[in-house]
Amino acid sequence: MADPKSGAPVATIADNRLIVRPIITEKTTRSRETMGKYAFEVAEAATKHAVGRAIERMFGVKVRKVNLVRRHGKMRRVRSKPGWTSDTKRAIVTVEAGQKIVFFEGI
């Protein structure tokens, strides 16, 4: 696969490694039900186009929009020793009106 702008080869990640896990919280459940937005934790090397294609192939829906958010790790203490949680990257995926990702239904 080549980058459409520069023509340089682009490294690809398999769909099952690109999408790490779904994010299920009260806030994401509310946005899923009202606006059709689904949240996933994705690989650090993920791009908007790659995430959109992976979601379309994995769940059979038409993706309208993808937003990526980088979340920096927080400092946590275990007894007297400080440490950091891992940085993560999240994707907020908006699907076409009337479509749903069946994986999330009933959760």
N, C-alpha and C. Protein backbone atom coordinates (compact mmCIF):
# COMPACT_ATOMS: atom_id res chain seq x y z
N MET A 1 0.85 -1.17 0.00
CA MET A 1 0.00 0.00 0.00
C MET A 1 0.89 1.23 0.00
N ALA A 2 0.50 2.29 -0.70
CA ALA A 2 1.30 3.51 -0.80
C ALA A 2 0.50 4.71 -0.30
N ASP A 3 1.23 5.68 0.22
CA ASP A 3 0.62 6.92 0.68
C ASP A 3 0.14 7.69 -0.55
N PRO A 4 -1.15 8.13 -0.58
CA PRO A 4 -1.66 8.80 -1.77
C PRO A 4 -0.97 10.13 -2.07
N LYS A 5 -0.45 10.80 -1.06
CA LYS A 5 0.20 12.10 -1.29
C LYS A 5 1.63 11.95 -1.78
N SER A 6 2.42 11.13 -1.07
CA SER A 6 3.84 11.04 -1.41
C SER A 6 4.19 9.81 -2.24
N GLY A 7 3.34 8.80 -2.25
CA GLY A 7 3.64 7.58 -2.98
C GLY A 7 4.54 6.63 -2.22
N ALA A 8 4.95 7.02 -0.99
CA ALA A 8 5.82 6.18 -0.18
C ALA A 8 5.03 5.01 0.41
N PRO A 9 5.67 3.87 0.61
CA PRO A 9 4.96 2.75 1.21
C PRO A 9 4.55 3.05 2.65
N VAL A 10 3.38 2.56 3.03
CA VAL A 10 2.85 2.78 4.36
C VAL A 10 2.77 1.45 5.08
N ALA A 11 3.29 1.39 6.30
CA ALA A 11 3.21 0.15 7.08
C ALA A 11 1.77 -0.07 7.50
N THR A 12 1.29 -1.29 7.39
CA THR A 12 -0.07 -1.59 7.80
C THR A 12 -0.05 -2.52 9.00
N ILE A 13 -1.09 -2.43 9.79
CA ILE A 13 -1.25 -3.27 10.97
C ILE A 13 -2.51 -4.08 10.76
N ALA A 14 -2.49 -5.35 11.13
CA ALA A 14 -3.68 -6.20 10.99
C ALA A 14 -4.81 -5.61 11.81
N ASP A 15 -6.05 -5.79 11.34
CA ASP A 15 -7.22 -5.22 12.01
C ASP A 15 -7.32 -5.64 13.46
N ASN A 16 -7.02 -6.91 13.74
CA ASN A 16 -7.17 -7.38 15.11
C ASN A 16 -6.09 -6.85 16.04
N ARG A 17 -4.99 -6.34 15.51
CA ARG A 17 -3.96 -5.70 16.35
C ARG A 17 -4.13 -4.20 16.37
N LEU A 18 -4.81 -3.64 15.39
CA LEU A 18 -5.03 -2.20 15.32
C LEU A 18 -6.05 -1.77 16.37
N ILE A 19 -7.16 -2.50 16.47
CA ILE A 19 -8.19 -2.22 17.46
C ILE A 19 -7.86 -3.05 18.70
N VAL A 20 -7.44 -2.39 19.78
CA VAL A 20 -7.01 -3.10 20.98
C VAL A 20 -8.21 -3.59 21.78
N ARG A 21 -9.14 -2.68 22.09
CA ARG A 21 -10.32 -3.06 22.87
C ARG A 21 -11.37 -1.96 22.78
N PRO A 22 -12.63 -2.31 23.02
CA PRO A 22 -13.66 -1.27 23.08
C PRO A 22 -13.59 -0.56 24.42
N ILE A 23 -13.99 0.70 24.44
CA ILE A 23 -14.05 1.47 25.68
C ILE A 23 -15.53 1.54 26.08
N ILE A 24 -15.86 0.97 27.22
CA ILE A 24 -17.24 0.95 27.67
C ILE A 24 -17.32 1.66 29.02
N THR A 25 -17.82 2.89 28.99
CA THR A 25 -18.04 3.69 30.19
C THR A 25 -19.43 4.29 30.09
N GLU A 26 -19.86 4.98 31.14
CA GLU A 26 -21.17 5.63 31.08
C GLU A 26 -21.21 6.69 29.98
N LYS A 27 -20.13 7.44 29.85
CA LYS A 27 -20.09 8.51 28.85
C LYS A 27 -20.12 7.94 27.42
N THR A 28 -19.35 6.89 27.16
CA THR A 28 -19.34 6.33 25.80
C THR A 28 -20.65 5.60 25.50
N THR A 29 -21.28 5.03 26.51
CA THR A 29 -22.58 4.38 26.29
C THR A 29 -23.63 5.42 25.91
N ARG A 30 -23.61 6.56 26.59
CA ARG A 30 -24.56 7.63 26.28
C ARG A 30 -24.33 8.18 24.87
N SER A 31 -23.08 8.39 24.48
CA SER A 31 -22.80 8.90 23.13
C SER A 31 -23.13 7.86 22.07
N ARG A 32 -22.97 6.59 22.40
CA ARG A 32 -23.32 5.52 21.45
C ARG A 32 -24.82 5.51 21.20
N GLU A 33 -25.62 5.64 22.26
CA GLU A 33 -27.06 5.57 22.14
C GLU A 33 -27.66 6.81 21.49
N THR A 34 -27.10 7.99 21.77
CA THR A 34 -27.69 9.23 21.27
C THR A 34 -27.12 9.69 19.93
N MET A 35 -25.79 9.51 19.73
CA MET A 35 -25.15 10.08 18.55
C MET A 35 -24.53 9.05 17.61
N GLY A 36 -24.55 7.77 17.97
CA GLY A 36 -23.95 6.75 17.11
C GLY A 36 -22.44 6.79 17.10
N LYS A 37 -21.83 7.19 18.24
CA LYS A 37 -20.37 7.25 18.34
C LYS A 37 -19.88 6.12 19.22
N TYR A 38 -18.88 5.39 18.74
CA TYR A 38 -18.32 4.24 19.44
C TYR A 38 -16.87 4.54 19.77
N ALA A 39 -16.40 4.10 20.94
CA ALA A 39 -15.04 4.38 21.38
C ALA A 39 -14.23 3.09 21.44
N PHE A 40 -12.99 3.16 20.94
CA PHE A 40 -12.08 2.03 20.94
C PHE A 40 -10.70 2.49 21.36
N GLU A 41 -9.97 1.64 22.06
CA GLU A 41 -8.56 1.88 22.27
C GLU A 41 -7.85 1.29 21.07
N VAL A 42 -6.93 2.04 20.48
CA VAL A 42 -6.25 1.59 19.26
C VAL A 42 -4.74 1.61 19.46
N ALA A 43 -4.01 1.01 18.53
CA ALA A 43 -2.55 0.97 18.58
C ALA A 43 -1.99 2.38 18.41
N GLU A 44 -0.81 2.60 18.95
CA GLU A 44 -0.18 3.92 18.88
C GLU A 44 0.08 4.35 17.44
N ALA A 45 0.33 3.41 16.54
CA ALA A 45 0.65 3.73 15.14
C ALA A 45 -0.59 3.89 14.28
N ALA A 46 -1.78 3.81 14.87
CA ALA A 46 -3.03 3.87 14.10
C ALA A 46 -3.26 5.25 13.51
N THR A 47 -3.84 5.27 12.30
CA THR A 47 -4.24 6.51 11.66
C THR A 47 -5.76 6.49 11.50
N LYS A 48 -6.34 7.65 11.21
CA LYS A 48 -7.79 7.74 11.05
C LYS A 48 -8.30 6.83 9.94
N HIS A 49 -7.61 6.85 8.81
CA HIS A 49 -8.04 6.03 7.67
C HIS A 49 -7.95 4.54 7.99
N ALA A 50 -6.86 4.14 8.64
CA ALA A 50 -6.69 2.73 8.98
C ALA A 50 -7.75 2.27 9.97
N VAL A 51 -8.07 3.10 10.96
CA VAL A 51 -9.09 2.75 11.95
C VAL A 51 -10.46 2.64 11.27
N GLY A 52 -10.78 3.58 10.40
CA GLY A 52 -12.07 3.55 9.70
C GLY A 52 -12.23 2.30 8.86
N ARG A 53 -11.17 1.94 8.10
CA ARG A 53 -11.23 0.73 7.28
C ARG A 53 -11.35 -0.52 8.14
N ALA A 54 -10.62 -0.56 9.26
CA ALA A 54 -10.66 -1.73 10.13
C ALA A 54 -12.05 -1.91 10.73
N ILE A 55 -12.68 -0.84 11.17
CA ILE A 55 -14.02 -0.93 11.76
C ILE A 55 -15.02 -1.37 10.70
N GLU A 56 -14.91 -0.83 9.50
CA GLU A 56 -15.83 -1.23 8.42
C GLU A 56 -15.69 -2.72 8.11
N ARG A 57 -14.45 -3.22 8.05
CA ARG A 57 -14.24 -4.64 7.75
C ARG A 57 -14.66 -5.54 8.91
N MET A 58 -14.36 -5.15 10.13
CA MET A 58 -14.64 -6.01 11.29
C MET A 58 -16.12 -6.10 11.62
N PHE A 59 -16.85 -4.97 11.50
CA PHE A 59 -18.23 -4.93 11.97
C PHE A 59 -19.26 -4.73 10.86
N GLY A 60 -18.83 -4.50 9.64
CA GLY A 60 -19.75 -4.38 8.51
C GLY A 60 -20.64 -3.15 8.56
N VAL A 61 -20.11 -2.03 9.03
CA VAL A 61 -20.86 -0.77 9.07
C VAL A 61 -20.13 0.26 8.21
N LYS A 62 -20.81 1.34 7.89
CA LYS A 62 -20.21 2.43 7.12
C LYS A 62 -19.76 3.51 8.11
N VAL A 63 -18.47 3.78 8.17
CA VAL A 63 -17.92 4.78 9.08
C VAL A 63 -18.00 6.15 8.43
N ARG A 64 -18.58 7.11 9.15
CA ARG A 64 -18.71 8.47 8.65
C ARG A 64 -17.54 9.35 9.08
N LYS A 65 -17.05 9.14 10.32
CA LYS A 65 -16.03 10.03 10.85
C LYS A 65 -15.22 9.31 11.92
N VAL A 66 -13.92 9.61 12.00
CA VAL A 66 -13.04 9.05 13.03
C VAL A 66 -12.26 10.19 13.68
N ASN A 67 -12.29 10.24 15.00
CA ASN A 67 -11.48 11.20 15.76
C ASN A 67 -10.51 10.39 16.62
N LEU A 68 -9.24 10.81 16.68
CA LEU A 68 -8.25 10.15 17.50
C LEU A 68 -7.86 11.05 18.66
N VAL A 69 -7.70 10.45 19.83
CA VAL A 69 -7.33 11.18 21.04
C VAL A 69 -6.17 10.46 21.69
N ARG A 70 -5.10 11.19 21.99
CA ARG A 70 -3.97 10.62 22.73
C ARG A 70 -4.17 10.93 24.21
N ARG A 71 -4.10 9.90 25.04
CA ARG A 71 -4.24 10.08 26.49
C ARG A 71 -2.89 9.76 27.11
N HIS A 72 -2.31 10.74 27.76
CA HIS A 72 -1.01 10.55 28.40
C HIS A 72 -1.20 9.83 29.73
N GLY A 73 -0.23 8.99 30.10
CA GLY A 73 -0.30 8.23 31.34
C GLY A 73 -0.25 9.14 32.56
N LYS A 74 -0.82 8.66 33.63
CA LYS A 74 -0.85 9.42 34.88
C LYS A 74 0.19 8.86 35.85
N MET A 75 0.64 9.71 36.76
CA MET A 75 1.55 9.24 37.79
C MET A 75 0.73 8.55 38.88
N ARG A 76 1.14 7.37 39.26
CA ARG A 76 0.49 6.61 40.33
C ARG A 76 1.57 6.19 41.32
N ARG A 77 1.17 6.01 42.56
CA ARG A 77 2.12 5.58 43.58
C ARG A 77 1.73 4.20 44.08
N VAL A 78 2.70 3.35 44.22
CA VAL A 78 2.52 2.06 44.85
C VAL A 78 3.42 2.08 46.08
N ARG A 79 2.78 2.16 47.23
CA ARG A 79 3.48 2.38 48.50
C ARG A 79 4.28 3.66 48.38
N SER A 80 5.59 3.61 48.44
CA SER A 80 6.36 4.85 48.39
C SER A 80 7.02 5.08 47.04
N LYS A 81 6.78 4.20 46.08
CA LYS A 81 7.46 4.32 44.79
C LYS A 81 6.52 4.90 43.73
N PRO A 82 6.93 6.00 43.11
CA PRO A 82 6.09 6.56 42.03
C PRO A 82 6.29 5.78 40.74
N GLY A 83 5.25 5.77 39.90
CA GLY A 83 5.31 5.12 38.60
C GLY A 83 4.30 5.79 37.68
N TRP A 84 4.31 5.37 36.44
CA TRP A 84 3.41 5.96 35.44
C TRP A 84 2.56 4.88 34.80
N THR A 85 1.30 5.20 34.52
CA THR A 85 0.47 4.31 33.73
C THR A 85 0.83 4.53 32.26
N SER A 86 0.45 3.61 31.42
CA SER A 86 0.81 3.69 30.00
C SER A 86 0.02 4.77 29.27
N ASP A 87 0.66 5.37 28.26
CA ASP A 87 -0.05 6.26 27.35
C ASP A 87 -0.96 5.40 26.47
N THR A 88 -2.12 5.93 26.09
CA THR A 88 -3.03 5.20 25.22
C THR A 88 -3.51 6.12 24.11
N LYS A 89 -4.03 5.51 23.07
CA LYS A 89 -4.62 6.24 21.96
C LYS A 89 -6.03 5.71 21.79
N ARG A 90 -7.00 6.60 21.71
CA ARG A 90 -8.39 6.20 21.56
C ARG A 90 -8.95 6.74 20.25
N ALA A 91 -9.89 5.98 19.71
CA ALA A 91 -10.58 6.39 18.49
C ALA A 91 -12.06 6.52 18.81
N ILE A 92 -12.66 7.65 18.45
CA ILE A 92 -14.09 7.85 18.55
C ILE A 92 -14.62 7.74 17.13
N VAL A 93 -15.39 6.69 16.87
CA VAL A 93 -15.85 6.37 15.52
C VAL A 93 -17.34 6.68 15.41
N THR A 94 -17.71 7.51 14.44
CA THR A 94 -19.11 7.82 14.17
C THR A 94 -19.54 7.01 12.97
N VAL A 95 -20.64 6.25 13.13
CA VAL A 95 -21.15 5.45 12.03
C VAL A 95 -22.33 6.16 11.38
N GLU A 96 -22.68 5.74 10.17
CA GLU A 96 -23.79 6.34 9.45
C GLU A 96 -25.09 6.21 10.25
N ALA A 97 -26.00 7.14 10.04
CA ALA A 97 -27.28 7.14 10.75
C ALA A 97 -28.03 5.85 10.47
N GLY A 98 -28.60 5.27 11.52
CA GLY A 98 -29.37 4.05 11.37
C GLY A 98 -28.56 2.77 11.48
N GLN A 99 -27.23 2.86 11.51
CA GLN A 99 -26.40 1.67 11.63
C GLN A 99 -25.90 1.53 13.06
N LYS A 100 -25.67 0.28 13.47
CA LYS A 100 -25.18 -0.01 14.80
C LYS A 100 -24.13 -1.09 14.71
N ILE A 101 -23.20 -1.07 15.68
CA ILE A 101 -22.23 -2.15 15.81
C ILE A 101 -22.84 -3.14 16.78
N VAL A 102 -23.14 -4.33 16.31
CA VAL A 102 -23.86 -5.33 17.10
C VAL A 102 -23.07 -5.77 18.31
N PHE A 103 -21.76 -5.70 18.25
CA PHE A 103 -20.89 -6.11 19.35
C PHE A 103 -21.26 -5.40 20.66
N PHE A 104 -21.69 -4.15 20.57
CA PHE A 104 -21.99 -3.34 21.75
C PHE A 104 -23.40 -3.55 22.29
N GLU A 105 -24.28 -4.11 21.53
CA GLU A 105 -25.68 -4.23 21.96
C GLU A 105 -25.80 -5.20 23.12
N GLY A 106 -26.58 -4.80 24.12
CA GLY A 106 -26.80 -5.65 25.29
C GLY A 106 -25.78 -5.50 26.38
N ILE A 107 -24.83 -4.57 26.22
CA ILE A 107 -23.81 -4.36 27.26
C ILE A 107 -24.28 -3.26 28.18
